[in-house]
Amino acid sequence: MRTTIRAVIAALLLAGAAVGCSSGPSYEEVTKRCADALKAQYAADGEGKPDECKDVKKDDYAALVASAAAEDLGWLDEDGEFDENKMLDDVTEP
């Protein structure tokens, strides 16, 4: 999951770099907080968009949700990368 989160955050940084400097948290910090909040929400079986994610762009939020869901479902390998076989095993088990 960490590798996946890092990859998502790196992509978000590229998009956020054009925004420029501000007095608030960087876009990287915002997305990191959002990713952490989503992970905690899945662990607690929560629903809805966490407040920490309110400033995350729609497409970036969708990627973070997918990443958190894949981790919660156990579809990531030991390196945090998506493992198609784990997903297939999970969805084809009786």
N, C-alpha and C. Protein backbone atom coordinates (compact mmCIF):
# COMPACT_ATOMS: atom_id res chain seq x y z
N MET A 1 0.82 -1.19 0.00
CA MET A 1 0.00 0.00 0.00
C MET A 1 0.87 1.25 0.00
N ARG A 2 1.95 1.21 0.74
CA ARG A 2 2.82 2.39 0.80
C ARG A 2 3.33 2.77 -0.57
N THR A 3 3.72 1.76 -1.36
CA THR A 3 4.21 2.04 -2.70
C THR A 3 3.10 2.66 -3.54
N THR A 4 1.91 2.11 -3.43
CA THR A 4 0.79 2.63 -4.19
C THR A 4 0.46 4.05 -3.76
N ILE A 5 0.42 4.29 -2.46
CA ILE A 5 0.15 5.64 -1.95
C ILE A 5 1.24 6.59 -2.42
N ARG A 6 2.49 6.16 -2.35
CA ARG A 6 3.58 7.03 -2.80
C ARG A 6 3.44 7.37 -4.28
N ALA A 7 3.06 6.39 -5.08
CA ALA A 7 2.89 6.65 -6.51
C ALA A 7 1.75 7.62 -6.76
N VAL A 8 0.66 7.45 -6.02
CA VAL A 8 -0.47 8.36 -6.17
C VAL A 8 -0.07 9.76 -5.73
N ILE A 9 0.61 9.86 -4.60
CA ILE A 9 1.03 11.17 -4.09
C ILE A 9 2.01 11.83 -5.05
N ALA A 10 2.93 11.05 -5.63
CA ALA A 10 3.88 11.63 -6.59
C ALA A 10 3.14 12.21 -7.80
N ALA A 11 2.14 11.50 -8.27
CA ALA A 11 1.35 12.01 -9.40
C ALA A 11 0.59 13.26 -9.00
N LEU A 12 0.10 13.27 -7.79
CA LEU A 12 -0.63 14.44 -7.30
C LEU A 12 0.28 15.64 -7.14
N LEU A 13 1.52 15.37 -6.77
CA LEU A 13 2.49 16.46 -6.64
C LEU A 13 2.72 17.16 -7.96
N LEU A 14 2.82 16.39 -9.01
CA LEU A 14 3.01 16.98 -10.33
C LEU A 14 1.84 17.88 -10.68
N ALA A 15 0.66 17.44 -10.38
CA ALA A 15 -0.52 18.25 -10.66
C ALA A 15 -0.59 19.46 -9.75
N GLY A 16 -0.19 19.28 -8.50
CA GLY A 16 -0.25 20.38 -7.54
C GLY A 16 0.89 21.36 -7.65
N ALA A 17 1.96 21.01 -8.32
CA ALA A 17 3.11 21.90 -8.45
C ALA A 17 2.76 23.18 -9.19
N ALA A 18 1.83 23.09 -10.10
CA ALA A 18 1.43 24.27 -10.87
C ALA A 18 0.62 25.25 -10.03
N VAL A 19 0.10 24.81 -8.91
CA VAL A 19 -0.72 25.66 -8.07
C VAL A 19 0.10 26.77 -7.42
N GLY A 20 1.33 26.48 -7.09
CA GLY A 20 2.19 27.48 -6.47
C GLY A 20 2.20 27.37 -4.96
N CYS A 21 2.85 28.33 -4.34
CA CYS A 21 3.01 28.33 -2.89
C CYS A 21 1.81 29.00 -2.22
N SER A 22 1.48 28.53 -1.06
CA SER A 22 0.44 29.15 -0.26
C SER A 22 0.80 29.01 1.20
N SER A 23 0.07 29.69 2.05
CA SER A 23 0.37 29.65 3.47
C SER A 23 -0.15 28.38 4.13
N GLY A 24 -1.05 27.66 3.47
CA GLY A 24 -1.62 26.44 4.02
C GLY A 24 -0.75 25.24 3.71
N PRO A 25 -1.26 24.05 4.06
CA PRO A 25 -0.50 22.83 3.77
C PRO A 25 -0.35 22.62 2.27
N SER A 26 0.72 21.96 1.89
CA SER A 26 0.93 21.66 0.47
C SER A 26 -0.09 20.63 0.02
N TYR A 27 -0.25 20.52 -1.27
CA TYR A 27 -1.19 19.54 -1.82
C TYR A 27 -0.73 18.12 -1.45
N GLU A 28 0.56 17.91 -1.41
CA GLU A 28 1.08 16.61 -0.99
C GLU A 28 0.64 16.29 0.43
N GLU A 29 0.74 17.27 1.32
CA GLU A 29 0.32 17.05 2.70
C GLU A 29 -1.18 16.77 2.79
N VAL A 30 -1.95 17.50 2.00
CA VAL A 30 -3.40 17.31 1.98
C VAL A 30 -3.74 15.89 1.51
N THR A 31 -3.10 15.44 0.45
CA THR A 31 -3.39 14.10 -0.07
C THR A 31 -2.90 13.01 0.89
N LYS A 32 -1.80 13.24 1.56
CA LYS A 32 -1.30 12.28 2.55
C LYS A 32 -2.29 12.15 3.71
N ARG A 33 -2.78 13.30 4.18
CA ARG A 33 -3.77 13.27 5.26
C ARG A 33 -5.05 12.57 4.81
N CYS A 34 -5.44 12.83 3.58
CA CYS A 34 -6.63 12.18 3.03
C CYS A 34 -6.42 10.67 2.96
N ALA A 35 -5.28 10.24 2.46
CA ALA A 35 -4.98 8.80 2.36
C ALA A 35 -5.01 8.15 3.73
N ASP A 36 -4.42 8.81 4.72
CA ASP A 36 -4.43 8.28 6.09
C ASP A 36 -5.85 8.20 6.64
N ALA A 37 -6.65 9.23 6.37
CA ALA A 37 -8.04 9.26 6.85
C ALA A 37 -8.86 8.15 6.19
N LEU A 38 -8.65 7.93 4.91
CA LEU A 38 -9.37 6.86 4.21
C LEU A 38 -8.99 5.49 4.77
N LYS A 39 -7.72 5.31 5.04
CA LYS A 39 -7.26 4.03 5.60
C LYS A 39 -7.92 3.79 6.96
N ALA A 40 -7.96 4.82 7.80
CA ALA A 40 -8.59 4.70 9.11
C ALA A 40 -10.09 4.47 8.98
N GLN A 41 -10.70 5.13 8.01
CA GLN A 41 -12.14 4.98 7.79
C GLN A 41 -12.49 3.56 7.38
N TYR A 42 -11.70 2.97 6.49
CA TYR A 42 -11.95 1.58 6.08
C TYR A 42 -11.77 0.64 7.26
N ALA A 43 -10.77 0.90 8.09
CA ALA A 43 -10.53 0.04 9.26
C ALA A 43 -11.70 0.11 10.24
N ALA A 44 -12.37 1.26 10.29
CA ALA A 44 -13.49 1.45 11.21
C ALA A 44 -14.84 1.21 10.55
N ASP A 45 -14.84 0.71 9.32
CA ASP A 45 -16.07 0.49 8.55
C ASP A 45 -16.91 1.76 8.42
N GLY A 46 -16.22 2.89 8.29
CA GLY A 46 -16.91 4.17 8.13
C GLY A 46 -17.35 4.40 6.71
N GLU A 47 -18.15 5.44 6.52
CA GLU A 47 -18.65 5.78 5.20
C GLU A 47 -18.52 7.28 4.96
N GLY A 48 -18.62 7.67 3.71
CA GLY A 48 -18.59 9.08 3.37
C GLY A 48 -17.18 9.58 3.12
N LYS A 49 -17.11 10.83 2.72
CA LYS A 49 -15.83 11.47 2.41
C LYS A 49 -15.29 12.13 3.68
N PRO A 50 -14.10 11.70 4.14
CA PRO A 50 -13.53 12.31 5.34
C PRO A 50 -13.26 13.81 5.13
N ASP A 51 -13.37 14.58 6.19
CA ASP A 51 -13.10 16.02 6.12
C ASP A 51 -11.70 16.31 5.61
N GLU A 52 -10.75 15.43 5.90
CA GLU A 52 -9.37 15.63 5.46
C GLU A 52 -9.23 15.60 3.94
N CYS A 53 -10.27 15.13 3.26
CA CYS A 53 -10.21 14.98 1.81
C CYS A 53 -10.96 16.10 1.07
N LYS A 54 -11.47 17.07 1.79
CA LYS A 54 -12.32 18.08 1.14
C LYS A 54 -11.59 18.91 0.11
N ASP A 55 -10.26 19.08 0.24
CA ASP A 55 -9.50 19.89 -0.71
C ASP A 55 -8.78 19.06 -1.77
N VAL A 56 -9.08 17.77 -1.82
CA VAL A 56 -8.45 16.89 -2.81
C VAL A 56 -9.29 16.91 -4.09
N LYS A 57 -8.62 17.03 -5.21
CA LYS A 57 -9.31 17.06 -6.50
C LYS A 57 -10.05 15.74 -6.73
N LYS A 58 -11.13 15.83 -7.50
CA LYS A 58 -12.03 14.69 -7.73
C LYS A 58 -11.29 13.44 -8.23
N ASP A 59 -10.49 13.58 -9.27
CA ASP A 59 -9.78 12.42 -9.83
C ASP A 59 -8.76 11.87 -8.84
N ASP A 60 -8.10 12.75 -8.12
CA ASP A 60 -7.11 12.31 -7.14
C ASP A 60 -7.79 11.58 -5.98
N TYR A 61 -8.94 12.11 -5.57
CA TYR A 61 -9.70 11.45 -4.49
C TYR A 61 -10.13 10.05 -4.93
N ALA A 62 -10.59 9.92 -6.15
CA ALA A 62 -11.00 8.61 -6.67
C ALA A 62 -9.84 7.62 -6.63
N ALA A 63 -8.64 8.08 -6.99
CA ALA A 63 -7.46 7.20 -6.95
C ALA A 63 -7.11 6.80 -5.52
N LEU A 64 -7.23 7.74 -4.60
CA LEU A 64 -6.93 7.44 -3.20
C LEU A 64 -7.95 6.46 -2.61
N VAL A 65 -9.21 6.63 -2.97
CA VAL A 65 -10.26 5.71 -2.51
C VAL A 65 -10.00 4.30 -3.05
N ALA A 66 -9.67 4.20 -4.33
CA ALA A 66 -9.39 2.89 -4.93
C ALA A 66 -8.20 2.22 -4.25
N SER A 67 -7.18 3.00 -3.97
CA SER A 67 -5.99 2.45 -3.32
C SER A 67 -6.31 1.97 -1.90
N ALA A 68 -7.06 2.77 -1.15
CA ALA A 68 -7.43 2.38 0.21
C ALA A 68 -8.33 1.14 0.20
N ALA A 69 -9.25 1.08 -0.77
CA ALA A 69 -10.14 -0.07 -0.86
C ALA A 69 -9.36 -1.34 -1.20
N ALA A 70 -8.43 -1.24 -2.13
CA ALA A 70 -7.63 -2.41 -2.51
C ALA A 70 -6.83 -2.92 -1.32
N GLU A 71 -6.31 -2.01 -0.52
CA GLU A 71 -5.57 -2.44 0.67
C GLU A 71 -6.52 -3.10 1.67
N ASP A 72 -7.66 -2.47 1.90
CA ASP A 72 -8.62 -3.00 2.86
C ASP A 72 -9.11 -4.39 2.47
N LEU A 73 -9.25 -4.62 1.18
CA LEU A 73 -9.74 -5.91 0.68
C LEU A 73 -8.64 -6.97 0.60
N GLY A 74 -7.39 -6.57 0.87
CA GLY A 74 -6.29 -7.53 0.83
C GLY A 74 -5.80 -7.84 -0.57
N TRP A 75 -5.99 -6.91 -1.49
CA TRP A 75 -5.63 -7.13 -2.89
C TRP A 75 -4.26 -6.58 -3.23
N LEU A 76 -3.46 -6.23 -2.24
CA LEU A 76 -2.11 -5.73 -2.48
C LEU A 76 -1.10 -6.79 -2.06
N ASP A 77 0.02 -6.85 -2.79
CA ASP A 77 1.06 -7.79 -2.41
C ASP A 77 1.91 -7.19 -1.30
N GLU A 78 2.97 -7.91 -0.93
CA GLU A 78 3.83 -7.47 0.18
C GLU A 78 4.56 -6.16 -0.12
N ASP A 79 4.63 -5.77 -1.38
CA ASP A 79 5.27 -4.50 -1.77
C ASP A 79 4.26 -3.36 -1.90
N GLY A 80 2.99 -3.64 -1.63
CA GLY A 80 1.97 -2.62 -1.73
C GLY A 80 1.44 -2.41 -3.13
N GLU A 81 1.76 -3.31 -4.02
CA GLU A 81 1.30 -3.23 -5.40
C GLU A 81 0.04 -4.09 -5.57
N PHE A 82 -0.84 -3.66 -6.47
CA PHE A 82 -2.06 -4.41 -6.75
C PHE A 82 -1.72 -5.81 -7.25
N ASP A 83 -2.37 -6.82 -6.69
CA ASP A 83 -2.15 -8.21 -7.08
C ASP A 83 -3.46 -8.77 -7.64
N GLU A 84 -3.51 -8.87 -8.96
CA GLU A 84 -4.72 -9.34 -9.63
C GLU A 84 -5.14 -10.72 -9.15
N ASN A 85 -4.18 -11.58 -8.87
CA ASN A 85 -4.51 -12.94 -8.43
C ASN A 85 -5.21 -12.93 -7.07
N LYS A 86 -4.79 -12.05 -6.17
CA LYS A 86 -5.46 -11.95 -4.87
C LYS A 86 -6.90 -11.49 -5.05
N MET A 87 -7.10 -10.53 -5.96
CA MET A 87 -8.45 -10.07 -6.23
C MET A 87 -9.30 -11.19 -6.82
N LEU A 88 -8.75 -11.89 -7.80
CA LEU A 88 -9.50 -12.99 -8.43
C LEU A 88 -9.82 -14.10 -7.44
N ASP A 89 -8.85 -14.43 -6.59
CA ASP A 89 -9.09 -15.44 -5.56
C ASP A 89 -10.23 -15.01 -4.64
N ASP A 90 -10.24 -13.74 -4.30
CA ASP A 90 -11.24 -13.21 -3.38
C ASP A 90 -12.64 -13.23 -3.99
N VAL A 91 -12.74 -12.85 -5.25
CA VAL A 91 -14.07 -12.74 -5.86
C VAL A 91 -14.59 -14.06 -6.40
N THR A 92 -13.73 -15.08 -6.52
CA THR A 92 -14.19 -16.37 -7.03
C THR A 92 -14.34 -17.40 -5.94
N GLU A 93 -14.01 -17.07 -4.69
CA GLU A 93 -14.19 -18.02 -3.60
C GLU A 93 -15.67 -18.18 -3.30
N PRO A 94 -16.08 -19.43 -3.00
CA PRO A 94 -17.51 -19.67 -2.70
C PRO A 94 -17.89 -19.10 -1.35
